[in-house]
Every structure is written in structure tokens, then in C-alpha cells.
Protein backbone atom coordinates (compact mmCIF):
# COMPACT_ATOMS: atom_id res chain seq x y z
CA MET A 1 -79.47 -43.09 11.73
CA HIS A 2 -77.95 -46.02 14.78
CA ALA A 3 -77.91 -44.49 18.17
CA LYS A 4 -74.33 -43.86 18.25
CA ASP A 5 -74.88 -41.30 15.86
CA ILE A 6 -77.57 -39.38 17.15
CA LEU A 7 -75.04 -39.30 20.12
CA ILE A 8 -72.48 -37.86 18.16
CA ASP A 9 -74.50 -35.26 17.03
CA GLY A 10 -75.70 -34.02 20.40
CA TYR A 11 -71.90 -34.05 21.27
CA ASN A 12 -70.83 -31.97 18.23
CA ARG A 13 -74.13 -29.47 19.35
CA ILE A 14 -71.95 -29.00 22.90
CA ARG A 15 -69.36 -27.88 21.45
CA GLU A 16 -70.61 -26.04 19.12
CA GLU A 17 -72.70 -24.03 21.58
CA VAL A 18 -69.35 -24.10 23.85
CA HIS A 19 -67.51 -22.01 20.93
CA ALA A 20 -70.72 -19.56 20.07
CA THR A 21 -70.94 -18.88 24.19
CA VAL A 22 -67.18 -18.20 24.85
CA GLU A 23 -65.61 -16.66 21.93
CA GLY A 24 -64.76 -13.15 21.78
CA LEU A 25 -65.32 -12.87 25.47
CA ASP A 26 -62.64 -10.69 27.57
CA PRO A 27 -61.88 -12.02 31.57
CA ASP A 28 -64.12 -9.33 32.69
CA ALA A 29 -67.28 -11.20 30.84
CA LEU A 30 -65.77 -14.38 30.95
CA ASN A 31 -65.78 -14.44 35.13
CA ALA A 32 -68.48 -12.19 35.79
CA LEU A 33 -71.68 -13.14 37.83
CA PRO A 34 -75.03 -12.01 36.83
CA ALA A 35 -76.22 -11.71 40.76
CA PRO A 36 -74.39 -13.24 44.13
CA GLY A 37 -74.58 -16.71 44.64
CA THR A 38 -74.66 -17.27 40.97
CA ASN A 39 -71.81 -18.80 38.06
CA SER A 40 -69.72 -17.13 35.86
CA ILE A 41 -69.76 -18.11 32.36
CA ALA A 42 -66.02 -19.50 32.85
CA TRP A 43 -67.13 -21.48 35.76
CA LEU A 44 -70.44 -22.98 33.41
CA VAL A 45 -68.06 -24.10 30.80
CA TRP A 46 -65.17 -25.25 32.85
CA HIS A 47 -67.60 -27.71 34.90
CA LEU A 48 -69.57 -28.95 32.28
CA THR A 49 -66.33 -29.99 30.11
CA ARG A 50 -64.37 -31.19 33.55
CA VAL A 51 -68.17 -33.39 33.84
CA GLN A 52 -67.65 -34.88 30.48
CA ASP A 53 -63.72 -35.55 30.95
CA ASP A 54 -64.97 -37.12 33.87
CA HIS A 55 -67.58 -39.73 33.12
CA ILE A 56 -66.33 -40.22 29.40
CA ALA A 57 -63.03 -41.57 30.91
CA ASP A 58 -64.63 -43.19 33.80
CA ALA A 59 -67.50 -45.14 31.07
CA PHE A 60 -64.73 -46.02 28.45
CA ASP A 61 -61.55 -46.57 30.86
CA LEU A 62 -59.72 -43.72 29.41
CA ASP A 63 -57.51 -41.48 31.01
CA GLN A 64 -59.15 -38.01 31.90
CA VAL A 65 -57.72 -35.15 29.22
CA TRP A 66 -57.55 -33.22 32.26
CA TRP A 67 -54.53 -34.85 33.79
CA GLY A 68 -52.29 -36.60 31.10
CA GLY A 69 -50.92 -35.72 27.69
CA ALA A 70 -48.89 -33.14 26.81
CA ASP A 71 -51.50 -30.28 27.50
CA ASN A 72 -51.19 -30.66 30.99
CA TRP A 73 -55.02 -29.00 31.21
CA GLU A 74 -55.19 -29.43 35.15
CA LYS A 75 -51.87 -26.88 35.15
CA ARG A 76 -52.51 -24.78 32.56
CA PHE A 77 -56.08 -23.55 34.54
CA GLY A 78 -54.05 -23.70 37.64
CA LEU A 79 -57.02 -23.55 40.00
CA ASP A 80 -56.83 -23.88 43.60
CA LEU A 81 -59.10 -27.01 43.75
CA PRO A 82 -58.21 -30.68 44.50
CA ARG A 83 -57.38 -32.77 41.29
CA HIS A 84 -60.58 -34.77 41.07
CA ASP A 85 -62.96 -31.97 41.73
CA THR A 86 -65.41 -31.63 38.51
CA GLY A 87 -67.26 -28.76 40.55
CA TYR A 88 -70.39 -30.93 41.59
CA GLY A 89 -71.22 -28.79 44.57
CA HIS A 90 -69.47 -25.71 44.52
CA SER A 91 -70.48 -23.40 46.60
CA PRO A 92 -69.86 -19.93 45.75
CA ALA A 93 -66.54 -19.73 46.95
CA LYS A 94 -65.45 -22.85 45.04
CA VAL A 95 -67.02 -21.24 41.65
CA ALA A 96 -65.25 -18.02 42.58
CA LYS A 97 -62.03 -19.89 42.74
CA VAL A 98 -62.75 -20.95 38.80
CA ARG A 99 -61.39 -17.89 37.15
CA VAL A 100 -60.27 -17.90 33.48
CA ALA A 101 -58.59 -14.74 31.67
CA ASP A 102 -58.70 -16.22 27.80
CA PRO A 103 -61.12 -17.47 26.26
CA ASP A 104 -59.39 -19.64 23.89
CA LEU A 105 -58.35 -21.54 27.68
CA LEU A 106 -61.77 -22.62 28.09
CA THR A 107 -62.28 -23.13 24.52
CA GLY A 108 -58.91 -25.75 23.89
CA TYR A 109 -59.31 -27.59 26.91
CA HIS A 110 -63.60 -28.45 25.53
CA ASP A 111 -62.22 -29.54 22.52
CA ALA A 112 -59.93 -31.95 23.52
CA VAL A 113 -62.11 -33.33 25.77
CA HIS A 114 -64.58 -33.75 23.03
CA GLU A 115 -61.84 -35.23 20.58
CA GLN A 116 -61.63 -37.89 23.51
CA SER A 117 -65.46 -38.22 23.71
CA HIS A 118 -66.07 -38.44 20.02
CA LYS A 119 -63.20 -40.87 19.20
CA ALA A 120 -65.55 -43.04 22.35
CA LEU A 121 -68.53 -42.33 20.68
CA ARG A 122 -67.26 -43.39 16.99
CA ALA A 123 -66.51 -46.90 18.46
CA LEU A 124 -69.61 -47.59 20.37
CA THR A 125 -71.43 -50.69 18.84
CA ALA A 126 -75.31 -50.98 20.07
CA ALA A 127 -74.20 -53.93 22.70
CA ASP A 128 -71.86 -51.55 24.57
CA LEU A 129 -74.96 -49.12 25.08
CA GLU A 130 -76.20 -51.82 27.18
CA ARG A 131 -73.10 -52.19 29.30
CA VAL A 132 -73.76 -51.50 33.07
CA VAL A 133 -70.90 -48.40 34.26
CA ASP A 134 -72.39 -48.21 37.76
CA VAL A 135 -73.98 -50.20 40.15
CA ARG A 136 -74.56 -47.24 42.41
CA TRP A 137 -77.93 -46.61 41.26
CA ASP A 138 -81.24 -48.61 41.20
CA PRO A 139 -81.16 -49.98 38.35
CA PRO A 140 -77.95 -49.91 37.62
CA VAL A 141 -76.65 -47.05 35.29
CA THR A 142 -75.89 -48.73 32.07
CA LEU A 143 -73.25 -46.79 29.30
CA GLY A 144 -76.13 -45.68 26.71
CA VAL A 145 -78.26 -43.71 30.10
CA ARG A 146 -74.92 -42.01 31.27
CA LEU A 147 -74.11 -40.91 27.80
CA VAL A 148 -77.70 -39.49 28.17
CA SER A 149 -77.27 -37.79 31.02
CA VAL A 150 -73.77 -36.53 30.25
CA LEU A 151 -75.11 -34.91 27.32
CA SER A 152 -78.34 -33.04 29.10
CA ASP A 153 -76.22 -32.11 31.89
CA ASP A 154 -73.83 -30.49 29.51
CA LEU A 155 -76.65 -28.66 27.46
CA GLN A 156 -78.53 -27.17 30.39
CA HIS A 157 -75.31 -26.17 31.60
CA VAL A 158 -74.00 -24.28 27.74
CA GLY A 159 -77.76 -22.82 28.15
CA GLN A 160 -77.11 -21.34 31.08
CA ALA A 161 -73.54 -19.99 29.56
CA ALA A 162 -75.36 -18.36 26.61
CA TYR A 163 -78.17 -17.13 29.03
CA VAL A 164 -75.40 -15.09 31.20
CA ARG A 165 -73.52 -13.96 28.18
CA GLY A 166 -77.13 -12.67 26.74
CA LEU A 167 -77.59 -10.95 30.04
CA LEU A 168 -73.92 -9.26 30.17
CA GLN A 169 -74.52 -8.03 26.52
CA SER A 170 -77.59 -7.09 27.15
CA THR A 171 -76.46 -4.64 30.76
CA ALA A 172 -73.79 -3.33 28.61
CA ALA A 173 -75.44 -2.36 25.79
């Protein structure tokens, strides 16, 4: 098995978990905060998708799905946030701005980002993984390290979202 196949499998798992976590939820559940100062399912899935969109686009010199194309995700979400915002470091007030009325909006955006990521991953060579994509760190970050970092971050956030879903379902029962 090649490294790119392992990465593709990992990114596919993110997508599967996003769908399993989000599908069938109503707006109240999507936007519920399990406690003050925590994150909603909508925010967690939006954030993990924005991070993947931002980081993959940057690493492969692509346009972010959020801004471009016919789907116009930035406008469809209608969030009152700066254009480049991915949710990193959001305060509780900013988390509260990320409200989603339809789970299909979250999964649609995630699927569009996943497709772009998947296409980029399929074209990877072993040598590509050694390419430096960020010199602001010591040591500089290679493409391989960036891809694993995004994979790890996204899996953690989708796990958090699934946990919130379980909390909400257990308190509703």
C-alpha cells in the first residue's frame, strides 16, 4: 500500500463520519451547545471542513471551494465572519455566529471539499510528500506532515461532533 492510499482512506473516513454525525439532525440539534462556551455540531463540522479546504487548497495551490465555483458556499452559509475565517481561535461569540439550518448544507460543502482533496491526493507521488509547504515552522512543514495534520485535526473534530450528537440524543431520551 502506498502512502497516498493510506491518506485517501483516512480522508474518506472523515467524510463517512461527517455524514454519520450530521444526517437526520434538525436545526436545533445542529446548533445546540452542550454547555456554555462549547461548540455545536454545526460549528465543529463547518470548522473541520474550512480547515481542510484552506489547508489543502494552499498546499496544492488550488482555489478554496468555499469561495469559488458555482456552488458559492460562502454566500450560501451566510455567516457574518471575515472571508478567510476558518474558525481557528473562535470565541464563544464567534462560535454562536455559525448557525446552520439544514444538515445538507454542511454535508454538501464537506463533500465538495472532500472531492477536491481526494482529487489532489490521487495525484500525489512519494516525492510530493517531501515538498516543503510552510517555512514558518522549525523544522519546515512538508506536504506529508501537513496532510497528516489536517487528517488528525479533522478526525478529532468529527469525533467531538459525534460525541455532542450522542449527548444530545441521550438527554432527549
